[in-house]
Amino acid sequence: MPEPRTLEVRNPEEALNALSRILSSKQGGKKVRRGGCDLRRLDEEGSTYELVATYVYKPGRFSKERSVVVVLPLKRSPDGIYRGDLGEAVFRILVDKKGSLEEEWSGNLKDAEGKIPDVAKMYLEDMNDLVESIKKH
């Protein structure tokens, strides 16, 4: 079954709640652990949101853990449904530098599949589960 390339949801809060359940209920992998999620409203009218998911990534045995923050823009279309194109998701690798997080790398889904394939794969699995969860309700 191909992964969805678009997330469609009538209520962004519903997507946040479903994603939160998905992230907390699934096991992480050897190099990647699931973190939390958040929803940010970018304008007063509520026509644009960002659905944010975090992952903790440890590329090797002796390397430092890195936080990976994935931001998916959700835009309201004229029919009232919010859509987010997974190809537009932005992956950011953040590293702790003396107590503050600094961006080490940033890229889209295609870039992430090359740079951090374990995280990209897990994110797509979670988004697939989110799409399925929303379809059921």
N, C-alpha and C. Protein backbone atom coordinates (compact mmCIF):
# COMPACT_ATOMS: atom_id res chain seq x y z
N MET A 1 0.84 -1.19 0.00
CA MET A 1 0.00 0.00 0.00
C MET A 1 0.89 1.25 0.00
N PRO A 2 0.70 2.15 -0.97
CA PRO A 2 1.55 3.34 -1.00
C PRO A 2 1.22 4.29 0.14
N GLU A 3 2.23 4.99 0.60
CA GLU A 3 2.00 5.94 1.68
C GLU A 3 1.21 7.13 1.16
N PRO A 4 0.41 7.73 2.03
CA PRO A 4 -0.34 8.91 1.58
C PRO A 4 0.63 10.05 1.33
N ARG A 5 0.32 10.87 0.38
CA ARG A 5 1.15 12.04 0.11
C ARG A 5 0.47 13.31 0.61
N THR A 6 -0.81 13.19 1.00
CA THR A 6 -1.54 14.36 1.49
C THR A 6 -2.33 13.97 2.73
N LEU A 7 -2.26 14.82 3.73
CA LEU A 7 -3.07 14.65 4.93
C LEU A 7 -4.26 15.59 4.79
N GLU A 8 -5.47 15.06 4.92
CA GLU A 8 -6.69 15.88 4.84
C GLU A 8 -7.46 15.71 6.14
N VAL A 9 -7.80 16.84 6.75
CA VAL A 9 -8.51 16.79 8.02
C VAL A 9 -9.44 18.00 8.13
N ARG A 10 -10.62 17.77 8.70
CA ARG A 10 -11.57 18.86 8.87
C ARG A 10 -11.21 19.73 10.07
N ASN A 11 -10.67 19.09 11.11
CA ASN A 11 -10.35 19.81 12.34
C ASN A 11 -8.90 19.51 12.73
N PRO A 12 -8.00 20.51 12.66
CA PRO A 12 -6.59 20.26 12.99
C PRO A 12 -6.38 19.74 14.42
N GLU A 13 -7.26 20.15 15.36
CA GLU A 13 -7.15 19.65 16.75
C GLU A 13 -7.33 18.13 16.78
N GLU A 14 -8.24 17.64 15.96
CA GLU A 14 -8.49 16.20 15.87
C GLU A 14 -7.22 15.48 15.37
N ALA A 15 -6.54 16.09 14.40
CA ALA A 15 -5.29 15.50 13.88
C ALA A 15 -4.23 15.47 14.98
N LEU A 16 -4.16 16.54 15.77
CA LEU A 16 -3.19 16.60 16.87
C LEU A 16 -3.46 15.50 17.89
N ASN A 17 -4.72 15.34 18.29
CA ASN A 17 -5.07 14.32 19.28
C ASN A 17 -4.77 12.91 18.76
N ALA A 18 -5.10 12.67 17.50
CA ALA A 18 -4.85 11.35 16.91
C ALA A 18 -3.35 11.09 16.81
N LEU A 19 -2.57 12.10 16.39
CA LEU A 19 -1.13 11.93 16.27
C LEU A 19 -0.49 11.70 17.64
N SER A 20 -1.00 12.38 18.64
CA SER A 20 -0.49 12.20 20.00
C SER A 20 -0.69 10.75 20.46
N ARG A 21 -1.87 10.20 20.18
CA ARG A 21 -2.15 8.80 20.53
C ARG A 21 -1.21 7.85 19.78
N ILE A 22 -1.01 8.13 18.50
CA ILE A 22 -0.15 7.28 17.67
C ILE A 22 1.29 7.29 18.19
N LEU A 23 1.82 8.50 18.46
CA LEU A 23 3.21 8.61 18.91
C LEU A 23 3.43 7.93 20.26
N SER A 24 2.45 8.04 21.15
CA SER A 24 2.63 7.46 22.49
C SER A 24 2.38 5.96 22.52
N SER A 25 1.68 5.43 21.53
CA SER A 25 1.32 4.01 21.58
C SER A 25 2.30 3.10 20.83
N LYS A 26 3.20 3.67 20.04
CA LYS A 26 4.10 2.84 19.23
C LYS A 26 5.51 2.81 19.79
N GLN A 27 6.17 1.70 19.58
CA GLN A 27 7.57 1.55 19.99
C GLN A 27 8.47 2.28 19.01
N GLY A 28 9.60 2.74 19.52
CA GLY A 28 10.60 3.35 18.66
C GLY A 28 11.49 2.28 18.05
N GLY A 29 12.39 2.70 17.21
CA GLY A 29 13.33 1.78 16.59
C GLY A 29 14.65 1.78 17.34
N LYS A 30 15.66 1.19 16.72
CA LYS A 30 16.98 1.10 17.34
C LYS A 30 17.64 2.48 17.43
N LYS A 31 17.49 3.28 16.38
CA LYS A 31 18.15 4.59 16.34
C LYS A 31 17.20 5.76 16.60
N VAL A 32 15.90 5.50 16.57
CA VAL A 32 14.92 6.59 16.65
C VAL A 32 13.86 6.29 17.71
N ARG A 33 13.54 7.30 18.52
CA ARG A 33 12.43 7.22 19.47
C ARG A 33 11.42 8.31 19.12
N ARG A 34 10.16 7.98 19.33
CA ARG A 34 9.12 8.98 19.09
C ARG A 34 9.05 9.93 20.28
N GLY A 35 8.79 11.19 19.98
CA GLY A 35 8.62 12.19 21.03
C GLY A 35 7.17 12.62 21.08
N GLY A 36 6.95 13.91 21.17
CA GLY A 36 5.60 14.43 21.26
C GLY A 36 5.19 15.14 19.99
N CYS A 37 4.06 15.87 20.10
CA CYS A 37 3.59 16.63 18.95
C CYS A 37 2.88 17.88 19.44
N ASP A 38 2.68 18.80 18.52
CA ASP A 38 2.07 20.08 18.86
C ASP A 38 1.38 20.62 17.61
N LEU A 39 0.52 21.61 17.83
CA LEU A 39 -0.19 22.27 16.74
C LEU A 39 -0.03 23.76 16.93
N ARG A 40 0.43 24.45 15.89
CA ARG A 40 0.59 25.91 15.98
C ARG A 40 -0.32 26.57 14.96
N ARG A 41 -1.06 27.57 15.42
CA ARG A 41 -1.90 28.35 14.51
C ARG A 41 -1.07 29.54 14.05
N LEU A 42 -0.97 29.73 12.74
CA LEU A 42 -0.09 30.76 12.21
C LEU A 42 -0.78 32.08 11.90
N ASP A 43 -2.11 32.10 11.88
CA ASP A 43 -2.80 33.36 11.60
C ASP A 43 -4.07 33.47 12.42
N GLU A 44 -4.59 34.69 12.52
CA GLU A 44 -5.79 34.95 13.33
C GLU A 44 -7.01 34.18 12.82
N GLU A 45 -7.15 34.08 11.50
CA GLU A 45 -8.34 33.43 10.92
C GLU A 45 -8.31 31.91 11.10
N GLY A 46 -7.16 31.37 11.41
CA GLY A 46 -7.05 29.92 11.55
C GLY A 46 -7.03 29.21 10.22
N SER A 47 -6.53 29.88 9.18
CA SER A 47 -6.51 29.24 7.86
C SER A 47 -5.23 28.44 7.62
N THR A 48 -4.22 28.67 8.46
CA THR A 48 -2.96 27.93 8.32
C THR A 48 -2.47 27.46 9.69
N TYR A 49 -2.18 26.18 9.78
CA TYR A 49 -1.64 25.58 11.00
C TYR A 49 -0.34 24.87 10.65
N GLU A 50 0.43 24.55 11.68
CA GLU A 50 1.58 23.67 11.53
C GLU A 50 1.41 22.51 12.50
N LEU A 51 1.45 21.30 11.97
CA LEU A 51 1.41 20.09 12.79
C LEU A 51 2.86 19.66 12.99
N VAL A 52 3.30 19.65 14.25
CA VAL A 52 4.70 19.42 14.57
C VAL A 52 4.85 18.08 15.30
N ALA A 53 5.78 17.26 14.84
CA ALA A 53 6.09 15.99 15.51
C ALA A 53 7.59 15.98 15.82
N THR A 54 7.95 15.42 16.98
CA THR A 54 9.37 15.35 17.33
C THR A 54 9.81 13.90 17.49
N TYR A 55 11.06 13.68 17.14
CA TYR A 55 11.68 12.37 17.25
C TYR A 55 13.07 12.58 17.85
N VAL A 56 13.57 11.59 18.57
CA VAL A 56 14.93 11.64 19.10
C VAL A 56 15.74 10.62 18.30
N TYR A 57 16.83 11.10 17.73
CA TYR A 57 17.62 10.30 16.79
C TYR A 57 19.05 10.17 17.30
N LYS A 58 19.53 8.94 17.36
CA LYS A 58 20.92 8.69 17.76
C LYS A 58 21.55 7.87 16.65
N PRO A 59 22.31 8.53 15.75
CA PRO A 59 22.80 7.85 14.56
C PRO A 59 23.78 6.71 14.81
N GLY A 60 24.56 6.79 15.86
CA GLY A 60 25.54 5.73 16.12
C GLY A 60 25.74 5.53 17.61
N ARG A 61 26.47 4.49 17.95
CA ARG A 61 26.64 4.12 19.35
C ARG A 61 27.30 5.22 20.18
N PHE A 62 28.27 5.89 19.61
CA PHE A 62 29.01 6.90 20.38
C PHE A 62 28.62 8.33 20.02
N SER A 63 27.57 8.49 19.22
CA SER A 63 27.17 9.84 18.83
C SER A 63 26.15 10.40 19.82
N LYS A 64 26.04 11.73 19.81
CA LYS A 64 25.07 12.40 20.69
C LYS A 64 23.66 12.25 20.12
N GLU A 65 22.70 12.26 21.03
CA GLU A 65 21.31 12.27 20.58
C GLU A 65 21.00 13.60 19.93
N ARG A 66 20.16 13.54 18.92
CA ARG A 66 19.71 14.75 18.25
C ARG A 66 18.19 14.75 18.25
N SER A 67 17.63 15.93 18.37
CA SER A 67 16.18 16.07 18.24
C SER A 67 15.87 16.36 16.78
N VAL A 68 14.88 15.66 16.26
CA VAL A 68 14.42 15.93 14.90
C VAL A 68 12.99 16.45 15.02
N VAL A 69 12.79 17.66 14.53
CA VAL A 69 11.47 18.28 14.56
C VAL A 69 10.94 18.30 13.13
N VAL A 70 9.74 17.76 12.94
CA VAL A 70 9.14 17.72 11.61
C VAL A 70 7.90 18.61 11.62
N VAL A 71 7.89 19.59 10.71
CA VAL A 71 6.80 20.56 10.65
C VAL A 71 6.04 20.36 9.35
N LEU A 72 4.73 20.09 9.47
CA LEU A 72 3.86 19.91 8.30
C LEU A 72 2.86 21.06 8.25
N PRO A 73 2.94 21.93 7.22
CA PRO A 73 1.95 23.01 7.11
C PRO A 73 0.59 22.44 6.69
N LEU A 74 -0.47 22.90 7.36
CA LEU A 74 -1.84 22.54 7.01
C LEU A 74 -2.56 23.81 6.58
N LYS A 75 -3.04 23.83 5.34
CA LYS A 75 -3.72 25.03 4.83
C LYS A 75 -5.18 24.70 4.57
N ARG A 76 -6.06 25.65 4.97
CA ARG A 76 -7.49 25.44 4.76
C ARG A 76 -7.85 25.77 3.32
N SER A 77 -8.55 24.85 2.69
CA SER A 77 -9.01 25.08 1.32
C SER A 77 -10.42 25.66 1.37
N PRO A 78 -10.94 26.16 0.24
CA PRO A 78 -12.29 26.77 0.24
C PRO A 78 -13.39 25.84 0.75
N ASP A 79 -13.22 24.52 0.63
CA ASP A 79 -14.25 23.60 1.12
C ASP A 79 -14.15 23.33 2.62
N GLY A 80 -13.23 24.04 3.31
CA GLY A 80 -13.13 23.93 4.76
C GLY A 80 -12.25 22.80 5.26
N ILE A 81 -11.66 22.05 4.36
CA ILE A 81 -10.79 20.94 4.76
C ILE A 81 -9.34 21.43 4.75
N TYR A 82 -8.63 21.06 5.80
CA TYR A 82 -7.21 21.41 5.89
C TYR A 82 -6.40 20.32 5.20
N ARG A 83 -5.46 20.75 4.36
CA ARG A 83 -4.62 19.80 3.63
C ARG A 83 -3.16 20.10 3.89
N GLY A 84 -2.40 19.02 4.07
CA GLY A 84 -0.96 19.14 4.21
C GLY A 84 -0.28 18.17 3.27
N ASP A 85 0.59 18.68 2.42
CA ASP A 85 1.34 17.86 1.48
C ASP A 85 2.60 17.36 2.19
N LEU A 86 2.73 16.04 2.33
CA LEU A 86 3.87 15.48 3.06
C LEU A 86 5.21 15.84 2.42
N GLY A 87 5.20 16.11 1.13
CA GLY A 87 6.42 16.54 0.46
C GLY A 87 6.89 17.90 0.94
N GLU A 88 5.97 18.69 1.54
CA GLU A 88 6.32 20.02 2.05
C GLU A 88 6.75 19.99 3.52
N ALA A 89 6.70 18.82 4.14
CA ALA A 89 7.12 18.72 5.54
C ALA A 89 8.60 19.10 5.65
N VAL A 90 8.93 19.88 6.67
CA VAL A 90 10.31 20.31 6.87
C VAL A 90 10.89 19.56 8.06
N PHE A 91 12.00 18.89 7.84
CA PHE A 91 12.71 18.15 8.88
C PHE A 91 13.87 19.02 9.35
N ARG A 92 13.99 19.18 10.67
CA ARG A 92 15.11 19.94 11.23
C ARG A 92 15.82 19.09 12.27
N ILE A 93 17.14 18.96 12.14
CA ILE A 93 17.93 18.26 13.15
C ILE A 93 18.47 19.32 14.09
N LEU A 94 18.14 19.18 15.38
CA LEU A 94 18.59 20.13 16.39
C LEU A 94 19.58 19.44 17.33
N VAL A 95 20.66 20.16 17.66
CA VAL A 95 21.70 19.62 18.53
C VAL A 95 21.84 20.53 19.73
N ASP A 96 22.02 19.93 20.90
CA ASP A 96 22.22 20.69 22.13
C ASP A 96 23.64 21.25 22.16
N LYS A 97 23.74 22.57 22.09
CA LYS A 97 25.06 23.23 22.17
C LYS A 97 25.06 24.13 23.39
N LYS A 98 25.73 23.68 24.43
CA LYS A 98 25.85 24.44 25.68
C LYS A 98 24.48 24.89 26.21
N GLY A 99 23.54 23.99 26.22
CA GLY A 99 22.23 24.27 26.82
C GLY A 99 21.20 24.86 25.89
N SER A 100 21.57 25.22 24.67
CA SER A 100 20.56 25.72 23.74
C SER A 100 20.55 24.85 22.48
N LEU A 101 19.38 24.72 21.90
CA LEU A 101 19.27 23.89 20.70
C LEU A 101 19.62 24.71 19.47
N GLU A 102 20.50 24.16 18.65
CA GLU A 102 20.87 24.83 17.41
C GLU A 102 20.58 23.90 16.24
N GLU A 103 20.13 24.50 15.14
CA GLU A 103 19.81 23.71 13.96
C GLU A 103 21.09 23.26 13.28
N GLU A 104 21.19 21.95 13.11
CA GLU A 104 22.36 21.37 12.45
C GLU A 104 22.09 21.14 10.96
N TRP A 105 20.83 20.85 10.64
CA TRP A 105 20.46 20.52 9.27
C TRP A 105 18.96 20.75 9.10
N SER A 106 18.56 21.09 7.89
CA SER A 106 17.14 21.26 7.58
C SER A 106 16.90 20.82 6.14
N GLY A 107 15.77 20.17 5.90
CA GLY A 107 15.45 19.74 4.54
C GLY A 107 14.03 19.21 4.45
N ASN A 108 13.58 18.95 3.22
CA ASN A 108 12.23 18.42 3.03
C ASN A 108 12.24 16.89 3.14
N LEU A 109 11.11 16.28 2.88
CA LEU A 109 10.98 14.82 3.02
C LEU A 109 11.98 14.07 2.15
N LYS A 110 12.11 14.50 0.91
CA LYS A 110 13.04 13.82 -0.01
C LYS A 110 14.48 13.91 0.51
N ASP A 111 14.88 15.09 1.00
CA ASP A 111 16.22 15.26 1.58
C ASP A 111 16.39 14.35 2.80
N ALA A 112 15.34 14.31 3.64
CA ALA A 112 15.39 13.52 4.88
C ALA A 112 15.51 12.03 4.58
N GLU A 113 14.87 11.58 3.51
CA GLU A 113 14.98 10.16 3.14
C GLU A 113 16.42 9.79 2.82
N GLY A 114 17.21 10.76 2.36
CA GLY A 114 18.62 10.51 2.09
C GLY A 114 19.50 10.70 3.31
N LYS A 115 19.22 11.73 4.11
CA LYS A 115 20.08 12.10 5.24
C LYS A 115 19.75 11.30 6.51
N ILE A 116 18.47 11.20 6.83
CA ILE A 116 18.03 10.50 8.06
C ILE A 116 16.89 9.53 7.71
N PRO A 117 17.21 8.47 6.94
CA PRO A 117 16.16 7.57 6.45
C PRO A 117 15.33 6.91 7.55
N ASP A 118 15.93 6.61 8.69
CA ASP A 118 15.18 5.96 9.78
C ASP A 118 14.08 6.88 10.29
N VAL A 119 14.39 8.16 10.43
CA VAL A 119 13.40 9.13 10.92
C VAL A 119 12.33 9.35 9.86
N ALA A 120 12.73 9.52 8.61
CA ALA A 120 11.78 9.76 7.52
C ALA A 120 10.80 8.59 7.40
N LYS A 121 11.32 7.37 7.50
CA LYS A 121 10.47 6.17 7.39
C LYS A 121 9.46 6.12 8.55
N MET A 122 9.94 6.41 9.76
CA MET A 122 9.05 6.39 10.92
C MET A 122 7.98 7.48 10.80
N TYR A 123 8.37 8.66 10.33
CA TYR A 123 7.43 9.76 10.15
C TYR A 123 6.34 9.36 9.14
N LEU A 124 6.74 8.76 8.02
CA LEU A 124 5.76 8.34 7.02
C LEU A 124 4.82 7.26 7.58
N GLU A 125 5.36 6.34 8.38
CA GLU A 125 4.50 5.33 9.02
C GLU A 125 3.48 6.01 9.93
N ASP A 126 3.94 6.98 10.71
CA ASP A 126 3.04 7.68 11.63
C ASP A 126 1.98 8.47 10.87
N MET A 127 2.38 9.12 9.77
CA MET A 127 1.42 9.88 8.96
C MET A 127 0.41 8.94 8.31
N ASN A 128 0.86 7.78 7.87
CA ASN A 128 -0.03 6.78 7.29
C ASN A 128 -1.07 6.35 8.33
N ASP A 129 -0.60 6.09 9.56
CA ASP A 129 -1.52 5.73 10.64
C ASP A 129 -2.48 6.87 10.95
N LEU A 130 -1.99 8.10 10.88
CA LEU A 130 -2.83 9.27 11.15
C LEU A 130 -3.93 9.38 10.10
N VAL A 131 -3.58 9.21 8.83
CA VAL A 131 -4.57 9.26 7.75
C VAL A 131 -5.63 8.18 7.95
N GLU A 132 -5.19 6.97 8.29
CA GLU A 132 -6.14 5.86 8.53
C GLU A 132 -7.04 6.16 9.72
N SER A 133 -6.47 6.71 10.78
CA SER A 133 -7.23 7.05 11.99
C SER A 133 -8.30 8.10 11.69
N ILE A 134 -7.95 9.09 10.89
CA ILE A 134 -8.89 10.16 10.55
C ILE A 134 -10.01 9.62 9.66
N LYS A 135 -9.68 8.70 8.75
CA LYS A 135 -10.70 8.11 7.87
C LYS A 135 -11.75 7.35 8.67
N LYS A 136 -11.34 6.73 9.78
CA LYS A 136 -12.26 5.93 10.59
C LYS A 136 -13.28 6.79 11.31
N HIS A 137 -12.91 8.04 11.62
CA HIS A 137 -13.81 8.89 12.42
C HIS A 137 -14.67 9.76 11.58
